[in-house]
Amino acid sequence: NSSELQQFLANPLIKAEAKKNVLRQLTVDKVHGYFLNFLMLLVDRRRINFLGPICEQYRALVRKLRNVVLAEVTSAVELNADQRRAVVEKVKAMTGAADVELVTACDPELIGGVVIKVGSQIFDASLRGQLRRLSLTLAQSA
């Protein structure tokens, strides 16, 4: 998450050995040896810049293995615990997943309601979306 570390690792002028030493110091007794070896391999092959996307792909594979779906929820205001639970239950019912991992964001332009994105599916239950659909219906009937 550190932007300074990302800049350090992405800098082509810094030698691979210096990058390895920093990674060793940061991960000592915190990660499995296989993962540390993987990081060293990424540095050797000059692919350490791809660590973020690699980790995202790994998380996606773990979710698939555990039958967990990632739901991106955008609402006009921050969701409380009951609303989060309701969204989780709705997504479980929609997808048949065992569990749901929520990523929430706020967008005041929605006016009210939520937009839920699961994979390529979008469930728009926002007031802005309803107004847009109503305007399209009225435009078509005129």
Protein backbone atom coordinates (compact mmCIF):
# COMPACT_ATOMS: atom_id res chain seq x y z
CA ASN A 1 0.00 0.00 0.00
CA SER A 2 2.99 2.29 0.38
CA SER A 3 3.45 4.55 -2.62
CA GLU A 4 7.09 5.11 -1.64
CA LEU A 5 7.75 1.37 -1.70
CA GLN A 6 5.99 1.05 -5.06
CA GLN A 7 8.12 3.86 -6.50
CA PHE A 8 11.26 2.29 -5.05
CA LEU A 9 10.50 -1.13 -6.52
CA ALA A 10 9.47 0.34 -9.90
CA ASN A 11 12.61 2.44 -10.26
CA PRO A 12 14.83 0.81 -12.92
CA LEU A 13 17.90 2.66 -11.66
CA ILE A 14 17.88 0.83 -8.31
CA LYS A 15 19.76 -2.45 -8.40
CA ALA A 16 17.90 -5.72 -7.94
CA GLU A 17 19.99 -6.62 -4.88
CA ALA A 18 18.92 -3.43 -3.09
CA LYS A 19 15.27 -4.19 -3.86
CA LYS A 20 15.69 -7.74 -2.56
CA ASN A 21 17.29 -6.52 0.66
CA VAL A 22 14.40 -4.12 1.31
CA LEU A 23 11.83 -6.84 0.62
CA ARG A 24 13.65 -9.24 2.94
CA GLN A 25 13.71 -6.63 5.73
CA LEU A 26 10.01 -5.88 5.30
CA THR A 27 8.87 -9.49 5.18
CA VAL A 28 11.18 -11.18 7.68
CA ASP A 29 9.09 -13.60 9.81
CA LYS A 30 5.88 -12.19 8.26
CA VAL A 31 5.46 -14.25 5.08
CA HIS A 32 6.03 -17.85 4.05
CA GLY A 33 9.39 -18.65 2.48
CA TYR A 34 7.73 -19.61 -0.81
CA PHE A 35 6.18 -16.18 -1.10
CA LEU A 36 9.50 -14.50 -0.34
CA ASN A 37 11.12 -16.63 -3.06
CA PHE A 38 8.34 -15.58 -5.42
CA LEU A 39 9.05 -11.91 -4.66
CA MET A 40 12.76 -12.46 -5.30
CA LEU A 41 11.94 -14.12 -8.63
CA LEU A 42 9.76 -11.15 -9.62
CA VAL A 43 12.66 -8.81 -8.84
CA ASP A 44 15.14 -10.99 -10.79
CA ARG A 45 12.85 -11.13 -13.82
CA ARG A 46 12.06 -7.39 -13.56
CA ARG A 47 8.37 -8.12 -13.01
CA ILE A 48 7.97 -6.72 -9.50
CA ASN A 49 5.82 -3.90 -10.95
CA PHE A 50 3.15 -6.52 -11.65
CA LEU A 51 2.82 -7.55 -7.99
CA GLY A 52 -0.47 -5.65 -7.53
CA PRO A 53 -2.26 -7.29 -10.49
CA ILE A 54 -0.78 -10.68 -9.55
CA CYS A 55 -2.21 -10.35 -6.03
CA GLU A 56 -5.60 -9.32 -7.43
CA GLN A 57 -5.66 -12.37 -9.68
CA TYR A 58 -4.68 -14.58 -6.74
CA ARG A 59 -7.55 -13.14 -4.67
CA ALA A 60 -9.96 -13.81 -7.56
CA LEU A 61 -8.81 -17.44 -7.74
CA VAL A 62 -9.22 -17.88 -3.97
CA ARG A 63 -12.72 -16.37 -4.17
CA LYS A 64 -13.62 -18.78 -6.97
CA LEU A 65 -12.26 -21.74 -5.01
CA ARG A 66 -14.29 -20.77 -1.92
CA ASN A 67 -17.44 -19.85 -3.91
CA VAL A 68 -17.24 -16.22 -2.80
CA VAL A 69 -18.29 -13.39 -5.10
CA LEU A 70 -16.98 -9.84 -5.11
CA ALA A 71 -19.77 -7.26 -5.08
CA GLU A 72 -19.00 -3.61 -5.71
CA VAL A 73 -21.73 -1.55 -4.05
CA THR A 74 -22.16 2.16 -4.74
CA SER A 75 -24.66 4.08 -2.63
CA ALA A 76 -25.63 7.70 -2.08
CA VAL A 77 -24.66 7.48 1.60
CA GLU A 78 -22.57 5.09 3.68
CA LEU A 79 -24.38 1.80 4.33
CA ASN A 80 -25.07 0.78 7.92
CA ALA A 81 -24.66 -2.81 9.18
CA ASP A 82 -28.28 -3.82 8.49
CA GLN A 83 -28.13 -2.45 4.95
CA ARG A 84 -24.85 -4.28 4.34
CA ARG A 85 -26.43 -7.53 5.55
CA ALA A 86 -29.43 -6.96 3.26
CA VAL A 87 -27.14 -6.36 0.27
CA VAL A 88 -25.13 -9.49 1.08
CA GLU A 89 -28.31 -11.58 1.27
CA LYS A 90 -29.59 -10.12 -2.01
CA VAL A 91 -26.30 -10.87 -3.78
CA LYS A 92 -26.24 -14.41 -2.35
CA ALA A 93 -29.77 -14.95 -3.67
CA MET A 94 -28.85 -13.52 -7.09
CA THR A 95 -25.65 -15.51 -7.53
CA GLY A 96 -26.02 -18.63 -5.38
CA ALA A 97 -22.63 -17.91 -3.81
CA ALA A 98 -21.65 -19.22 -0.40
CA ASP A 99 -20.42 -15.81 0.73
CA VAL A 100 -20.05 -12.25 -0.53
CA GLU A 101 -17.12 -9.87 -0.26
CA LEU A 102 -18.36 -6.27 -0.33
CA VAL A 103 -16.45 -3.29 -1.67
CA THR A 104 -18.42 -0.13 -0.94
CA ALA A 105 -18.23 3.38 -2.37
CA CYS A 106 -20.33 6.52 -1.99
CA ASP A 107 -21.66 8.59 -4.88
CA PRO A 108 -24.00 11.43 -3.84
CA GLU A 109 -25.15 11.78 -7.48
CA LEU A 110 -27.16 8.55 -7.06
CA ILE A 111 -29.61 10.60 -4.95
CA GLY A 112 -30.76 7.41 -3.20
CA GLY A 113 -30.65 3.62 -3.46
CA VAL A 114 -27.72 1.45 -4.54
CA VAL A 115 -25.94 0.14 -7.61
CA ILE A 116 -24.54 -3.38 -7.18
CA LYS A 117 -21.96 -4.76 -9.60
CA VAL A 118 -21.15 -8.48 -9.48
CA GLY A 119 -18.80 -9.51 -12.26
CA SER A 120 -20.33 -8.18 -15.47
CA GLN A 121 -23.85 -7.92 -13.98
CA ILE A 122 -25.12 -4.56 -12.76
CA PHE A 123 -28.21 -4.24 -10.56
CA ASP A 124 -29.25 -0.57 -10.55
CA ALA A 125 -31.70 0.21 -7.75
CA SER A 126 -30.70 3.86 -7.51
CA LEU A 127 -33.04 6.80 -7.76
CA ARG A 128 -30.88 8.26 -10.53
CA GLY A 129 -31.24 5.01 -12.51
CA GLN A 130 -35.00 4.94 -12.00
CA LEU A 131 -35.29 8.55 -13.18
CA ARG A 132 -33.17 7.76 -16.25
CA ARG A 133 -35.36 4.74 -17.10
CA LEU A 134 -38.51 6.82 -16.61
CA SER A 135 -37.18 9.55 -18.91
CA LEU A 136 -36.32 6.97 -21.59
CA THR A 137 -39.82 5.48 -21.34
CA LEU A 138 -41.42 8.92 -21.64
CA ALA A 139 -39.18 9.83 -24.59
CA GLN A 140 -40.11 6.62 -26.42
CA SER A 141 -43.85 7.09 -25.90
CA ALA A 142 -43.83 10.69 -27.18
